[in-house]
Amino acid sequence: MHTPLCGHASGHPVEYVSKGSALGLDLMTFTCHIPMSDPDFGGPRIRMAHHQLEDYFRMVEQARVAGEEHGIEILCGIEAEVSADSGALDEMIELLNAHEFDFVLGSLHHQLKVYRDRLKRLGINEDDQIIRDYFNTLTQAAASGLYHSMSHPDVIRIYGTIDSASFCPEAYEGEIRAFLQSCVRSDTCMEVNTSGLSKGVYTLHPDPIILKWAREEGVKLTLGSDAHAPESVGQHFEKVLTCLQEEGFTTLHYYRSGQQQTTALTRFN
């Protein structure tokens, strides 16, 4: 879940808690976009500024207090960036080391200038090349140990970096399985992001075939609505939880104080 500090979300975190209470949730984690000084990672309409980080902590603390009244545990995470460029994340890593976030999501936002400029610099301009590069970069990120979970893993299919019709997971099974295997080796989770059902091609992130491969490889899952407004909290959870159980998953994971926690899928029945 996000906060208005990122510049493209609305509603105070306390409002998100109220919606979570109405849905019967008992745990919620805020993961707003991490500050980045490099403007190529996006400005104020993409992420909070460094000087707003304390505001973020304060808002999440207000949500935590509200959560106690509703019987909901509120955790403070962050959505961090993924980059294949050496040194591009040094500042971010320093920030991650300076704060005790409960949960760190790793996101490769291909629509940002920093990623598209890299593609141009390397002469990667065909959709097929871009898709392979995208998953290879995720594979490296999962192996890095920086992140607890890799978010919206097939978001490359939307936002215009490639023609969405070019993305057929079966054509990139080798690269995608390599990413999934990297997650397993490093004990990094993969996020099931339900917001995909409300945008773009109206398919879950990741695509159901990638979920099938994830089960086969033994990947652990986290679940998120990627809510940018209170009304999106818990969006499509009921449908997705059923899908995960039908696919053969039996557990979900979350992080508290950076430590992996496990919960049985059966508790949501």
Protein backbone atom coordinates (compact mmCIF):
# COMPACT_ATOMS: atom_id res chain seq x y z
CA MET A 1 0.00 0.00 0.00
CA HIS A 2 1.13 3.52 -0.77
CA THR A 3 0.68 7.00 0.69
CA PRO A 4 0.05 10.39 -0.96
CA LEU A 5 3.73 11.22 -0.38
CA CYS A 6 4.59 9.38 -3.61
CA GLY A 7 2.57 11.93 -5.59
CA HIS A 8 0.33 9.43 -7.39
CA ALA A 9 -1.70 7.97 -4.52
CA SER A 10 -4.52 9.41 -2.45
CA GLY A 11 -5.92 9.03 1.04
CA HIS A 12 -4.30 9.03 4.46
CA PRO A 13 -2.95 5.69 5.73
CA VAL A 14 -5.57 5.78 8.51
CA GLU A 15 -8.23 5.63 5.78
CA TYR A 16 -6.53 2.53 4.36
CA VAL A 17 -6.75 0.96 7.81
CA SER A 18 -10.47 1.70 7.99
CA LYS A 19 -11.00 -0.04 4.65
CA GLY A 20 -8.89 -2.98 5.82
CA SER A 21 -11.02 -3.25 8.95
CA ALA A 22 -14.19 -3.35 6.85
CA LEU A 23 -12.67 -6.23 4.88
CA GLY A 24 -11.70 -8.14 8.00
CA LEU A 25 -7.95 -7.88 7.45
CA ASP A 26 -5.70 -8.42 10.46
CA LEU A 27 -2.35 -7.31 8.99
CA MET A 28 -1.40 -4.56 6.55
CA THR A 29 2.02 -3.35 5.36
CA PHE A 30 2.68 0.07 3.84
CA THR A 31 5.32 0.09 1.08
CA CYS A 32 5.58 3.55 -0.42
CA HIS A 33 8.26 4.31 -3.04
CA ILE A 34 11.73 4.84 -1.64
CA PRO A 35 13.39 8.26 -2.06
CA MET A 36 15.98 8.44 -4.86
CA SER A 37 18.08 11.53 -5.60
CA ASP A 38 18.72 10.64 -9.25
CA PRO A 39 15.89 12.35 -11.22
CA ASP A 40 16.04 9.57 -13.79
CA PHE A 41 14.38 7.34 -11.16
CA GLY A 42 11.43 9.75 -11.14
CA GLY A 43 10.55 12.95 -9.34
CA PRO A 44 7.81 14.07 -6.94
CA ARG A 45 4.97 12.45 -8.89
CA ILE A 46 6.74 9.09 -8.59
CA ARG A 47 8.24 8.94 -5.09
CA MET A 48 8.65 10.84 -1.84
CA ALA A 49 11.67 13.08 -1.34
CA HIS A 50 14.35 12.26 1.22
CA HIS A 51 13.10 15.00 3.53
CA GLN A 52 9.65 13.38 3.52
CA LEU A 53 10.83 10.04 4.89
CA GLU A 54 10.16 11.13 8.47
CA ASP A 55 6.66 12.20 7.37
CA TYR A 56 6.21 8.67 6.01
CA PHE A 57 7.25 7.09 9.30
CA ARG A 58 4.89 9.41 11.17
CA MET A 59 1.93 8.60 8.90
CA VAL A 60 2.53 4.86 9.20
CA GLU A 61 2.75 5.24 12.98
CA GLN A 62 -0.62 6.99 12.95
CA ALA A 63 -1.95 4.06 10.95
CA ARG A 64 -0.42 1.64 13.46
CA VAL A 65 -2.26 3.34 16.32
CA ALA A 66 -5.51 3.26 14.34
CA GLY A 67 -4.83 -0.39 13.55
CA GLU A 68 -4.67 -1.25 17.23
CA GLU A 69 -8.22 0.03 17.60
CA HIS A 70 -9.36 -2.24 14.76
CA GLY A 71 -7.30 -5.28 15.71
CA ILE A 72 -5.02 -4.88 12.67
CA GLU A 73 -1.24 -5.12 12.87
CA ILE A 74 0.35 -2.34 10.80
CA LEU A 75 3.88 -2.81 9.46
CA CYS A 76 6.23 -0.31 7.81
CA GLY A 77 7.85 -1.41 4.58
CA ILE A 78 9.30 0.29 1.53
CA GLU A 79 9.17 -0.29 -2.22
CA ALA A 80 12.79 -0.20 -3.34
CA GLU A 81 14.17 0.00 -6.85
CA VAL A 82 15.92 -2.57 -9.04
CA SER A 83 18.66 -1.56 -11.48
CA ALA A 84 21.22 -3.45 -13.52
CA ASP A 85 23.59 -0.46 -13.52
CA SER A 86 26.50 -0.85 -11.13
CA GLY A 87 26.48 1.86 -8.47
CA ALA A 88 23.04 3.22 -9.34
CA LEU A 89 21.61 1.88 -6.10
CA ASP A 90 24.43 2.76 -3.69
CA GLU A 91 22.48 5.62 -2.12
CA MET A 92 19.37 3.46 -1.82
CA ILE A 93 21.28 0.63 -0.17
CA GLU A 94 22.69 3.11 2.36
CA LEU A 95 19.16 4.24 3.18
CA LEU A 96 17.93 0.65 3.54
CA ASN A 97 20.79 -0.08 5.93
CA ALA A 98 20.02 3.04 7.97
CA HIS A 99 16.39 2.12 8.72
CA GLU A 100 14.76 -1.00 10.08
CA PHE A 101 11.98 -1.57 7.55
CA ASP A 102 9.75 -4.54 8.23
CA PHE A 103 9.55 -5.41 4.55
CA VAL A 104 11.47 -4.44 1.39
CA LEU A 105 9.87 -4.92 -2.01
CA GLY A 106 12.11 -4.96 -5.07
CA SER A 107 10.61 -3.32 -8.16
CA LEU A 108 11.97 -2.92 -11.67
CA HIS A 109 10.03 0.05 -13.03
CA HIS A 110 10.85 -0.26 -16.72
CA GLN A 111 8.80 2.83 -17.58
CA LEU A 112 11.26 5.13 -15.79
CA LYS A 113 13.85 7.10 -17.73
CA VAL A 114 16.75 5.35 -15.99
CA TYR A 115 15.75 1.96 -17.42
CA ARG A 116 14.78 3.15 -20.89
CA ASP A 117 18.02 5.14 -21.21
CA ARG A 118 19.97 1.99 -20.35
CA LEU A 119 18.15 0.07 -23.08
CA LYS A 120 19.06 2.77 -25.61
CA ARG A 121 22.66 2.87 -24.43
CA LEU A 122 23.01 -0.88 -24.90
CA GLY A 123 21.12 -0.97 -28.19
CA ILE A 124 18.38 -3.14 -26.72
CA ASN A 125 15.43 -2.02 -28.81
CA GLU A 126 13.47 -5.08 -29.92
CA ASP A 127 10.62 -6.27 -27.70
CA ASP A 128 12.10 -9.76 -27.52
CA GLN A 129 15.45 -8.38 -26.32
CA ILE A 130 13.80 -6.06 -23.80
CA ILE A 131 11.72 -8.83 -22.26
CA ARG A 132 14.75 -11.10 -21.87
CA ASP A 133 16.80 -8.26 -20.38
CA TYR A 134 13.98 -7.43 -17.97
CA PHE A 135 13.79 -10.95 -16.52
CA ASN A 136 17.58 -11.31 -16.48
CA THR A 137 17.73 -8.13 -14.40
CA LEU A 138 15.09 -9.49 -12.02
CA THR A 139 17.13 -12.69 -11.71
CA GLN A 140 20.19 -10.71 -10.62
CA ALA A 141 18.11 -8.64 -8.21
CA ALA A 142 16.62 -11.70 -6.55
CA ALA A 143 20.12 -13.10 -6.09
CA SER A 144 21.36 -9.88 -4.48
CA GLY A 145 19.65 -10.47 -1.13
CA LEU A 146 18.56 -6.82 -1.01
CA TYR A 147 14.86 -7.55 -1.25
CA HIS A 148 12.38 -9.67 0.68
CA SER A 149 10.03 -10.05 -2.28
CA MET A 150 10.08 -9.17 -5.98
CA SER A 151 7.03 -7.11 -6.84
CA HIS A 152 4.66 -7.24 -9.86
CA PRO A 153 7.15 -9.54 -11.65
CA ASP A 154 5.69 -9.30 -15.16
CA VAL A 155 4.79 -5.60 -15.19
CA ILE A 156 6.92 -5.32 -18.37
CA ARG A 157 3.75 -6.19 -20.29
CA ILE A 158 2.17 -2.78 -19.55
CA TYR A 159 3.19 0.91 -19.58
CA GLY A 160 4.48 1.01 -23.14
CA THR A 161 8.10 -0.12 -23.06
CA ILE A 162 7.03 -3.03 -25.28
CA ASP A 163 3.91 -3.80 -27.26
CA SER A 164 1.79 -5.68 -24.71
CA ALA A 165 0.87 -8.19 -27.41
CA SER A 166 4.55 -9.17 -27.58
CA PHE A 167 4.51 -10.65 -24.10
CA CYS A 168 3.75 -14.35 -24.19
CA PRO A 169 5.24 -15.96 -21.06
CA GLU A 170 5.69 -19.34 -22.74
CA ALA A 171 8.15 -17.76 -25.19
CA TYR A 172 10.37 -16.68 -22.29
CA GLU A 173 10.02 -19.71 -20.04
CA GLY A 174 13.78 -20.13 -19.75
CA GLU A 175 14.37 -16.59 -18.52
CA ILE A 176 11.34 -16.63 -16.24
CA ARG A 177 12.24 -19.97 -14.66
CA ALA A 178 15.79 -18.68 -14.11
CA PHE A 179 14.28 -15.76 -12.20
CA LEU A 180 12.07 -18.09 -10.16
CA GLN A 181 15.02 -20.38 -9.38
CA SER A 182 17.02 -17.33 -8.26
CA CYS A 183 14.22 -16.48 -5.84
CA VAL A 184 14.34 -20.00 -4.41
CA ARG A 185 18.13 -20.02 -4.00
CA SER A 186 18.15 -16.70 -2.16
CA ASP A 187 14.91 -17.35 -0.24
CA THR A 188 13.42 -14.26 -1.84
CA CYS A 189 9.65 -14.29 -2.22
CA MET A 190 7.67 -13.31 -5.31
CA GLU A 191 4.77 -10.93 -4.94
CA VAL A 192 1.31 -11.82 -6.18
CA ASN A 193 0.08 -8.33 -7.04
CA THR A 194 -3.68 -8.18 -7.43
CA SER A 195 -3.71 -4.71 -9.04
CA GLY A 196 -3.08 -6.29 -12.43
CA LEU A 197 -6.73 -7.35 -12.46
CA SER A 198 -7.75 -3.68 -12.47
CA LYS A 199 -5.43 -2.32 -15.16
CA GLY A 200 -3.84 -3.03 -18.50
CA VAL A 201 -4.72 -6.46 -19.79
CA TYR A 202 -6.72 -7.30 -16.64
CA THR A 203 -4.57 -10.26 -15.67
CA LEU A 204 -2.99 -11.00 -12.34
CA HIS A 205 0.67 -10.06 -11.75
CA PRO A 206 2.18 -12.53 -12.42
CA ASP A 207 0.37 -14.26 -15.24
CA PRO A 208 -1.24 -17.55 -14.13
CA ILE A 209 1.28 -19.61 -16.12
CA ILE A 210 4.12 -17.93 -14.19
CA LEU A 211 2.31 -18.79 -10.96
CA LYS A 212 2.21 -22.41 -12.11
CA TRP A 213 5.94 -22.39 -12.77
CA ALA A 214 6.53 -20.71 -9.41
CA ARG A 215 4.73 -23.56 -7.64
CA GLU A 216 6.76 -26.10 -9.58
CA GLU A 217 10.02 -24.36 -8.63
CA GLY A 218 9.03 -23.94 -4.98
CA VAL A 219 8.85 -20.14 -4.89
CA LYS A 220 7.39 -18.54 -1.76
CA LEU A 221 4.72 -15.87 -2.23
CA THR A 222 3.74 -12.57 -0.67
CA LEU A 223 0.35 -11.02 -1.45
CA GLY A 224 -0.31 -7.34 -2.11
CA SER A 225 -3.06 -5.16 -3.50
CA ASP A 226 -0.64 -2.35 -4.46
CA ALA A 227 -3.34 0.01 -3.23
CA HIS A 228 -2.91 3.65 -4.22
CA ALA A 229 -6.26 4.64 -2.69
CA PRO A 230 -8.24 3.34 0.29
CA GLU A 231 -10.89 1.77 -1.93
CA SER A 232 -8.23 -0.46 -3.53
CA VAL A 233 -7.15 -2.11 -0.28
CA GLY A 234 -7.58 -5.86 -0.58
CA GLN A 235 -8.74 -5.60 -4.19
CA HIS A 236 -9.51 -9.00 -5.74
CA PHE A 237 -8.12 -10.89 -2.73
CA GLU A 238 -10.99 -13.38 -2.56
CA LYS A 239 -10.61 -14.35 -6.23
CA VAL A 240 -6.82 -14.54 -6.04
CA LEU A 241 -6.73 -16.59 -2.83
CA THR A 242 -8.99 -19.14 -4.47
CA CYS A 243 -6.72 -19.16 -7.52
CA LEU A 244 -3.63 -19.78 -5.37
CA GLN A 245 -5.26 -22.68 -3.55
CA GLU A 246 -6.42 -24.22 -6.81
CA GLU A 247 -2.85 -23.92 -8.11
CA GLY A 248 -1.61 -25.91 -5.12
CA PHE A 249 -0.09 -23.22 -2.91
CA THR A 250 -0.65 -23.82 0.80
CA THR A 251 1.08 -20.85 2.43
CA LEU A 252 1.68 -17.12 2.10
CA HIS A 253 4.50 -15.11 3.62
CA TYR A 254 5.02 -11.66 5.09
CA TYR A 255 7.85 -9.91 6.92
CA ARG A 256 8.06 -8.39 10.37
CA SER A 257 11.32 -6.66 11.38
CA GLY A 258 12.88 -8.17 8.27
CA GLN A 259 12.09 -11.70 9.35
CA GLN A 260 10.05 -14.00 7.14
CA GLN A 261 6.72 -15.11 8.60
CA THR A 262 4.46 -17.86 7.24
CA THR A 263 0.69 -18.14 7.32
CA ALA A 264 -1.50 -20.97 6.03
CA LEU A 265 -3.75 -20.24 3.07
CA THR A 266 -6.48 -22.31 4.75
CA ARG A 267 -6.96 -19.58 7.36
CA PHE A 268 -8.57 -17.41 4.69
CA ASN A 269 -11.35 -19.91 3.98
